[in-house]
C-alpha atoms as a PDB file:
ATOM      1  CA  MET A   1      99.831 140.074  89.377  1.00  0.00           C
ATOM      2  CA  VAL A   2     103.168 138.507  88.402  1.00  0.00           C
ATOM      3  CA  LEU A   3     105.091 141.300  90.091  1.00  0.00           C
ATOM      4  CA  GLU A   4     103.008 140.863  93.242  1.00  0.00           C
ATOM      5  CA  GLU A   5     103.743 137.127  93.210  1.00  0.00           C
ATOM      6  CA  ILE A   6     107.495 137.766  92.907  1.00  0.00           C
ATOM      7  CA  ASN A   7     107.367 140.162  95.870  1.00  0.00           C
ATOM      8  CA  PHE A   8     105.502 137.520  97.847  1.00  0.00           C
ATOM      9  CA  LEU A   9     108.041 134.819  96.989  1.00  0.00           C
ATOM     10  CA  SER A  10     110.922 137.015  98.115  1.00  0.00           C
ATOM     11  CA  ASP A  11     109.820 136.351 101.714  1.00  0.00           C
ATOM     12  CA  HIS A  12     107.548 133.288 101.524  1.00  0.00           C
ATOM     13  CA  ALA A  13     108.969 131.028  98.817  1.00  0.00           C
ATOM     14  CA  PRO A  14     108.682 127.278  99.541  1.00  0.00           C
ATOM     15  CA  GLU A  15     112.278 126.723  98.415  1.00  0.00           C
ATOM     16  CA  PRO A  16     115.375 128.808  99.321  1.00  0.00           C
ATOM     17  CA  THR A  17     116.526 129.022  95.686  1.00  0.00           C
ATOM     18  CA  HIS A  18     113.179 130.474  94.604  1.00  0.00           C
ATOM     19  CA  GLU A  19     113.311 132.993  97.432  1.00  0.00           C
ATOM     20  CA  GLN A  20     116.840 134.042  96.464  1.00  0.00           C
ATOM     21  CA  THR A  21     115.849 134.460  92.810  1.00  0.00           C
ATOM     22  CA  ALA A  22     112.802 136.535  93.765  1.00  0.00           C
ATOM     23  CA  ARG A  23     114.902 138.801  95.986  1.00  0.00           C
ATOM     24  CA  GLU A  24     117.452 139.321  93.226  1.00  0.00           C
ATOM     25  CA  PHE A  25     114.681 140.373  90.870  1.00  0.00           C
ATOM     26  CA  THR A  26     113.137 142.793  93.385  1.00  0.00           C
ATOM     27  CA  ARG A  27     116.543 144.463  93.704  1.00  0.00           C
ATOM     28  CA  PHE A  28     116.984 144.527  89.934  1.00  0.00           C
ATOM     29  CA  TYR A  29     113.518 145.794  89.013  1.00  0.00           C
ATOM     30  CA  PRO A  30     113.549 149.456  90.270  1.00  0.00           C
ATOM     31  CA  GLU A  31     116.537 150.409  88.077  1.00  0.00           C
ATOM     32  CA  SER A  32     115.948 147.972  85.215  1.00  0.00           C
ATOM     33  CA  GLY A  33     113.763 150.216  83.089  1.00  0.00           C
ATOM     34  CA  TRP A  34     111.192 147.433  82.910  1.00  0.00           C
ATOM     35  CA  LYS A  35     107.523 148.372  83.174  1.00  0.00           C
ATOM     36  CA  SER A  36     104.545 146.510  84.548  1.00  0.00           C
ATOM     37  CA  VAL A  37     101.359 146.610  82.491  1.00  0.00           C
ATOM     38  CA  SER A  38      97.776 145.680  83.217  1.00  0.00           C
ATOM     39  CA  SER A  39      96.420 145.424  79.675  1.00  0.00           C
ATOM     40  CA  ILE A  40      94.041 142.589  80.434  1.00  0.00           C
ATOM     41  CA  ALA A  41      91.864 141.421  77.535  1.00  0.00           C
ATOM     42  CA  THR A  42      89.339 138.611  77.497  1.00  0.00           C
ATOM     43  CA  HIS A  43      88.961 135.915  74.866  1.00  0.00           C
ATOM     44  CA  PRO A  44      86.298 133.178  74.554  1.00  0.00           C
ATOM     45  CA  SER A  45      88.930 130.463  75.048  1.00  0.00           C
ATOM     46  CA  LEU A  46      90.263 132.162  78.193  1.00  0.00           C
ATOM     47  CA  LYS A  47      87.035 132.191  80.171  1.00  0.00           C
ATOM     48  CA  PRO A  48      87.089 129.696  83.059  1.00  0.00           C
ATOM     49  CA  ALA A  49      84.251 127.245  83.346  1.00  0.00           C
ATOM     50  CA  GLU A  50      81.304 128.450  85.399  1.00  0.00           C
ATOM     51  CA  GLY A  51      81.268 127.147  88.950  1.00  0.00           C
ATOM     52  CA  HIS A  52      84.886 125.996  88.707  1.00  0.00           C
ATOM     53  CA  THR A  53      87.249 127.364  91.370  1.00  0.00           C
ATOM     54  CA  LEU A  54      90.742 128.074  90.051  1.00  0.00           C
ATOM     55  CA  SER A  55      93.854 127.423  92.077  1.00  0.00           C
ATOM     56  CA  LYS A  56      96.378 130.172  92.699  1.00  0.00           C
ATOM     57  CA  ARG A  57      98.666 128.801  89.992  1.00  0.00           C
ATOM     58  CA  ALA A  58      95.782 128.544  87.506  1.00  0.00           C
ATOM     59  CA  ARG A  59      94.715 132.146  88.225  1.00  0.00           C
ATOM     60  CA  LEU A  60      98.274 133.331  87.708  1.00  0.00           C
ATOM     61  CA  THR A  61      98.540 131.464  84.402  1.00  0.00           C
ATOM     62  CA  LEU A  62      95.207 132.855  83.219  1.00  0.00           C
ATOM     63  CA  THR A  63      96.233 136.400  84.139  1.00  0.00           C
ATOM     64  CA  VAL A  64      99.528 136.091  82.253  1.00  0.00           C
ATOM     65  CA  VAL A  65      97.776 134.847  79.114  1.00  0.00           C
ATOM     66  CA  GLN A  66      95.121 137.580  79.322  1.00  0.00           C
ATOM     67  CA  ALA A  67      97.795 140.249  79.801  1.00  0.00           C
ATOM     68  CA  ALA A  68      99.807 138.922  76.848  1.00  0.00           C
ATOM     69  CA  TYR A  69      96.680 138.859  74.686  1.00  0.00           C
ATOM     70  CA  GLY A  70      95.767 142.401  75.730  1.00  0.00           C
ATOM     71  CA  LEU A  71      99.280 143.683  75.044  1.00  0.00           C
ATOM     72  CA  ALA A  72      99.321 142.023  71.619  1.00  0.00           C
ATOM     73  CA  ARG A  73      95.994 143.644  70.750  1.00  0.00           C
ATOM     74  CA  ASN A  74      97.145 147.082  71.918  1.00  0.00           C
ATOM     75  CA  ARG A  75     100.433 146.818  69.991  1.00  0.00           C
ATOM     76  CA  PRO A  76      99.646 145.075  66.688  1.00  0.00           C
ATOM     77  CA  ASP A  77     102.923 146.336  65.171  1.00  0.00           C
ATOM     78  CA  GLY A  78     105.082 144.661  67.854  1.00  0.00           C
ATOM     79  CA  LEU A  79     105.785 141.011  68.613  1.00  0.00           C
ATOM     80  CA  VAL A  80     104.872 139.976  72.173  1.00  0.00           C
ATOM     81  CA  ILE A  81     106.992 137.046  73.406  1.00  0.00           C
ATOM     82  CA  ILE A  82     106.150 135.128  76.575  1.00  0.00           C
ATOM     83  CA  VAL A  83     109.008 133.179  78.164  1.00  0.00           C
ATOM     84  CA  SER A  84     107.773 130.226  80.192  1.00  0.00           C
ATOM     85  CA  SER A  85     108.339 126.528  80.768  1.00  0.00           C
ATOM     86  CA  ASP A  86     104.651 125.994  81.593  1.00  0.00           C
ATOM     87  CA  GLN A  87     103.242 123.807  78.811  1.00  0.00           C
ATOM     88  CA  GLY A  88      99.645 124.649  79.697  1.00  0.00           C
ATOM     89  CA  LEU A  89     100.360 128.371  79.395  1.00  0.00           C
ATOM     90  CA  MET A  90     102.123 127.914  76.047  1.00  0.00           C
ATOM     91  CA  GLN A  91      99.256 125.846  74.659  1.00  0.00           C
ATOM     92  CA  ARG A  92      96.733 128.512  75.645  1.00  0.00           C
ATOM     93  CA  LEU A  93      98.781 131.161  73.876  1.00  0.00           C
ATOM     94  CA  ARG A  94      99.014 129.077  70.701  1.00  0.00           C
ATOM     95  CA  ALA A  95      95.243 128.527  70.769  1.00  0.00           C
ATOM     96  CA  LEU A  96      94.713 132.301  70.455  1.00  0.00           C
ATOM     97  CA  GLU A  97      96.377 132.228  66.982  1.00  0.00           C
ATOM     98  CA  MET A  98      97.606 135.822  67.194  1.00  0.00           C
ATOM     99  CA  PRO A  99     100.262 136.589  64.553  1.00  0.00           C
ATOM    100  CA  ASN A 100     102.110 138.960  66.912  1.00  0.00           C
ATOM    101  CA  LEU A 101     102.035 136.710  69.987  1.00  0.00           C
ATOM    102  CA  CYS A 102     104.151 133.640  70.736  1.00  0.00           C
ATOM    103  CA  ALA A 103     105.867 131.799  73.571  1.00  0.00           C
ATOM    104  CA  ILE A 104     109.341 130.314  73.958  1.00  0.00           C
ATOM    105  CA  PRO A 105     110.823 128.166  76.739  1.00  0.00           C
ATOM    106  CA  VAL A 106     113.442 129.541  79.106  1.00  0.00           C
ATOM    107  CA  VAL A 107     116.218 127.542  77.474  1.00  0.00           C
ATOM    108  CA  ALA A 108     115.456 129.233  74.133  1.00  0.00           C
ATOM    109  CA  LEU A 109     115.773 132.680  75.733  1.00  0.00           C
ATOM    110  CA  VAL A 110     119.121 131.764  77.284  1.00  0.00           C
ATOM    111  CA  GLN A 111     120.376 130.527  73.906  1.00  0.00           C
ATOM    112  CA  TRP A 112     119.098 133.715  72.247  1.00  0.00           C
ATOM    113  CA  THR A 113     121.000 135.955  74.651  1.00  0.00           C
ATOM    114  CA  ARG A 114     124.202 133.955  74.198  1.00  0.00           C
ATOM    115  CA  THR A 115     124.202 133.614  70.422  1.00  0.00           C
ATOM    116  CA  GLU A 116     122.144 136.731  69.538  1.00  0.00           C
ATOM    117  CA  ARG A 117     120.201 134.557  67.096  1.00  0.00           C
ATOM    118  CA  LYS A 118     116.435 134.666  67.168  1.00  0.00           C
ATOM    119  CA  PRO A 119     114.726 131.338  67.934  1.00  0.00           C
ATOM    120  CA  PRO A 120     112.981 129.745  64.928  1.00  0.00           C
ATOM    121  CA  VAL A 121     109.596 130.352  66.569  1.00  0.00           C
ATOM    122  CA  VAL A 122     110.280 134.092  66.776  1.00  0.00           C
ATOM    123  CA  ILE A 123     111.464 134.208  63.165  1.00  0.00           C
ATOM    124  CA  HIS A 124     108.322 132.367  62.070  1.00  0.00           C
ATOM    125  CA  GLN A 125     106.029 134.778  63.934  1.00  0.00           C
ATOM    126  CA  LEU A 126     107.803 137.797  62.443  1.00  0.00           C
ATOM    127  CA  GLN A 127     107.208 136.329  58.989  1.00  0.00           C
ATOM    128  CA  LEU A 128     103.520 135.877  59.806  1.00  0.00           C
ATOM    129  CA  MET A 129     103.327 139.508  60.922  1.00  0.00           C
ATOM    130  CA  ARG A 130     104.908 140.700  57.667  1.00  0.00           C
ATOM    131  CA  ALA A 131     102.561 138.511  55.651  1.00  0.00           C
ATOM    132  CA  ALA A 132      99.519 139.789  57.553  1.00  0.00           C
ATOM    133  CA  SER A 133     100.668 143.385  57.113  1.00  0.00           C
ATOM    134  CA  GLY A 134     101.149 142.873  53.384  1.00  0.00           C
ATOM    135  CA  LEU A 135      97.711 141.289  53.071  1.00  0.00           C
ATOM    136  CA  VAL A 136      96.048 144.243  54.803  1.00  0.00           C
ATOM    137  CA  SER A 137      97.907 146.724  52.597  1.00  0.00           C
ATOM    138  CA  SER A 138      96.981 144.922  49.375  1.00  0.00           C
ATOM    139  CA  THR A 139      93.342 144.616  50.463  1.00  0.00           C
ATOM    140  CA  ALA A 140      93.132 148.336  51.220  1.00  0.00           C
ATOM    141  CA  ALA A 141      94.722 149.207  47.860  1.00  0.00           C
ATOM    142  CA  ALA A 142      92.364 146.931  45.929  1.00  0.00           C
ATOM    143  CA  LYS A 143      89.192 148.201  47.632  1.00  0.00           C
ATOM    144  CA  PRO A 144      87.107 150.095  45.004  1.00  0.00           C
ATOM    145  CA  SER A 145      85.627 153.494  45.612  1.00  0.00           C
ATOM    146  CA  ARG A 146      81.886 154.051  46.147  1.00  0.00           C
ATOM    147  CA  ALA A 147      81.382 155.241  42.572  1.00  0.00           C
ATOM    148  CA  SER A 148      83.049 152.244  40.979  1.00  0.00           C
ATOM    149  CA  LEU A 149      81.317 149.928  43.438  1.00  0.00           C
ATOM    150  CA  SER A 150      77.880 151.239  42.462  1.00  0.00           C
ATOM    151  CA  THR A 151      78.586 150.896  38.743  1.00  0.00           C
ATOM    152  CA  GLN A 152      79.903 147.360  39.155  1.00  0.00           C
ATOM    153  CA  ALA A 153      77.087 146.163  41.426  1.00  0.00           C
ATOM    154  CA  ALA A 154      74.820 144.973  38.621  1.00  0.00           C
ATOM    155  CA  PRO A 155      77.410 142.919  36.670  1.00  0.00           C
ATOM    156  CA  VAL A 156      78.683 141.332  39.862  1.00  0.00           C
ATOM    157  CA  ALA A 157      75.161 140.390  40.948  1.00  0.00           C
ATOM    158  CA  GLY A 158      74.494 138.860  37.565  1.00  0.00           C
ATOM    159  CA  SER A 159      77.651 136.775  37.636  1.00  0.00           C
ATOM    160  CA  GLN A 160      77.180 135.431  41.149  1.00  0.00           C
ATOM    161  CA  ARG A 161      75.207 132.379  39.938  1.00  0.00           C
ATOM    162  CA  SER A 162      77.829 131.254  37.430  1.00  0.00           C
ATOM    163  CA  THR A 163      80.643 131.848  39.881  1.00  0.00           C
ATOM    164  CA  ARG A 164      78.839 129.841  42.539  1.00  0.00           C
ATOM    165  CA  GLN A 165      78.381 126.952  40.111  1.00  0.00           C
ATOM    166  CA  ILE A 166      82.025 126.595  39.077  1.00  0.00           C
ATOM    167  CA  SER A 167      83.672 127.410  42.400  1.00  0.00           C
ATOM    168  CA  LYS A 168      85.126 124.505  44.321  1.00  0.00           C
ATOM    169  CA  PRO A 169      86.182 124.337  47.955  1.00  0.00           C
ATOM    170  CA  VAL A 170      89.883 124.747  48.516  1.00  0.00           C
ATOM    171  CA  PHE A 171      91.487 122.807  51.323  1.00  0.00           C
ATOM    172  CA  ARG A 172      94.769 124.076  52.684  1.00  0.00           C
ATOM    173  CA  ILE A 173      97.057 122.192  55.002  1.00  0.00           C
ATOM    174  CA  PRO A 174      98.158 124.449  57.923  1.00  0.00           C
ATOM    175  CA  ILE A 175     101.843 123.759  57.282  1.00  0.00           C
ATOM    176  CA  ALA A 176     102.984 126.762  59.309  1.00  0.00           C
ATOM    177  CA  LYS A 177     100.971 125.712  62.361  1.00  0.00           C
ATOM    178  CA  ILE A 178     102.166 122.089  62.111  1.00  0.00           C
ATOM    179  CA  PHE A 179     105.776 123.255  61.806  1.00  0.00           C
ATOM    180  CA  TYR A 180     105.358 125.566  64.810  1.00  0.00           C
ATOM    181  CA  ASN A 181     103.891 122.793  66.986  1.00  0.00           C
ATOM    182  CA  VAL A 182     106.561 120.248  66.002  1.00  0.00           C
ATOM    183  CA  LEU A 183     109.342 122.764  66.560  1.00  0.00           C
ATOM    184  CA  THR A 184     107.985 123.733  69.971  1.00  0.00           C
ATOM    185  CA  PHE A 185     107.725 120.065  70.984  1.00  0.00           C
ATOM    186  CA  ILE A 186     111.350 119.423  69.953  1.00  0.00           C
ATOM    187  CA  MET A 187     112.634 122.471  71.860  1.00  0.00           C
ATOM    188  CA  VAL A 188     110.720 121.511  75.001  1.00  0.00           C
ATOM    189  CA  ALA A 189     111.948 117.898  74.747  1.00  0.00           C
ATOM    190  CA  ILE A 190     115.558 119.084  74.499  1.00  0.00           C
ATOM    191  CA  ALA A 191     115.075 121.354  77.515  1.00  0.00           C
ATOM    192  CA  VAL A 192     113.570 118.530  79.573  1.00  0.00           C
ATOM    193  CA  LEU A 193     116.413 116.168  78.663  1.00  0.00           C
ATOM    194  CA  ALA A 194     118.993 118.810  79.586  1.00  0.00           C
ATOM    195  CA  VAL A 195     117.402 119.402  82.980  1.00  0.00           C
ATOM    196  CA  TRP A 196     117.086 115.662  83.539  1.00  0.00           C
ATOM    197  CA  ARG A 197     120.758 115.108  82.751  1.00  0.00           C
ATOM    198  CA  VAL A 198     121.850 117.757  85.246  1.00  0.00           C
ATOM    199  CA  ALA A 199     119.401 116.855  88.025  1.00  0.00           C
ATOM    200  CA  PHE A 200     119.444 113.056  87.691  1.00  0.00           C
ATOM    201  CA  PRO A 201     122.651 112.036  85.895  1.00  0.00           C
ATOM    202  CA  ALA A 202     122.486 108.389  87.010  1.00  0.00           C
ATOM    203  CA  SER A 203     118.984 107.695  85.658  1.00  0.00           C
ATOM    204  CA  PHE A 204     119.716 109.710  82.508  1.00  0.00           C
ATOM    205  CA  GLU A 205     122.862 107.691  81.812  1.00  0.00           C
ATOM    206  CA  GLN A 206     120.937 104.446  82.342  1.00  0.00           C
ATOM    207  CA  LEU A 207     118.251 105.524  79.856  1.00  0.00           C
ATOM    208  CA  TRP A 208     120.865 106.677  77.378  1.00  0.00           C
ATOM    209  CA  GLN A 209     122.645 103.324  77.511  1.00  0.00           C
ATOM    210  CA  GLN A 210     119.337 101.517  76.914  1.00  0.00           C
ATOM    211  CA  VAL A 211     118.580 103.701  73.889  1.00  0.00           C
ATOM    212  CA  ARG A 212     122.047 103.121  72.461  1.00  0.00           C
ATOM    213  CA  SER A 213     121.800  99.359  72.883  1.00  0.00           C
ATOM    214  CA  LEU A 214     118.366  99.393  71.230  1.00  0.00           C
ATOM    215  CA  ILE A 215     119.727 101.314  68.229  1.00  0.00           C
ATOM    216  CA  VAL A 216     122.678  98.929  67.903  1.00  0.00           C
ATOM    217  CA  ASP A 217     120.422  95.863  68.077  1.00  0.00           C
ATOM    218  CA  GLN A 218     118.119  97.201  65.342  1.00  0.00           C
ATOM    219  CA  SER A 219     120.885  98.383  63.010  1.00  0.00           C
ATOM    220  CA  PRO A 220     121.526  96.051  60.000  1.00  0.00           C
ATOM    221  CA  PRO A 221     124.749  94.005  60.032  1.00  0.00           C
ATOM    222  CA  PRO A 222     127.584  95.318  57.844  1.00  0.00           C
END
């Protein structure tokens, strides 16, 4: 669906710059080695509300998220990265909580290609994938055989009551998720400020001067 939209914009884009970008991509695509996929997968959080008509933009966003989710499910050993400046799309992807699926803004991709350094979000997701893989391996290694399971069934059943009495709930703070959300917010804020400075330098300079004067007024005297 994304490829069809790009082909449509190459002749019917509302702005000349968008039309030029779409045409450049259509010329680049046949020899790029890129592939289009249709691995759509559904998720309870991705189902639109009944009786609600989606706009064209909303349908496109939903299709991208479903395709990313389907690709991540089909390739659990690979990290699927969506590049987008659409905050709604990025929030939907984060809500899926897939260890091998994440999203980065366009400015982060540009910085990645220039410095060849992975964005912190990508590094974090790769660490989650390694941790999940290690957990699965250790669980499979610790799983007892049928014979040992049958011999241990009686002692385990007898000790369930005492274990239930002394066990206490354990509350864990989702530090990784909080760090991911804060980091994403900071990256998006930097991207917005950069675009604002280029597109509206006068208003940006005015705001910057106000912030500087506020900091100077609140700073303690020497």
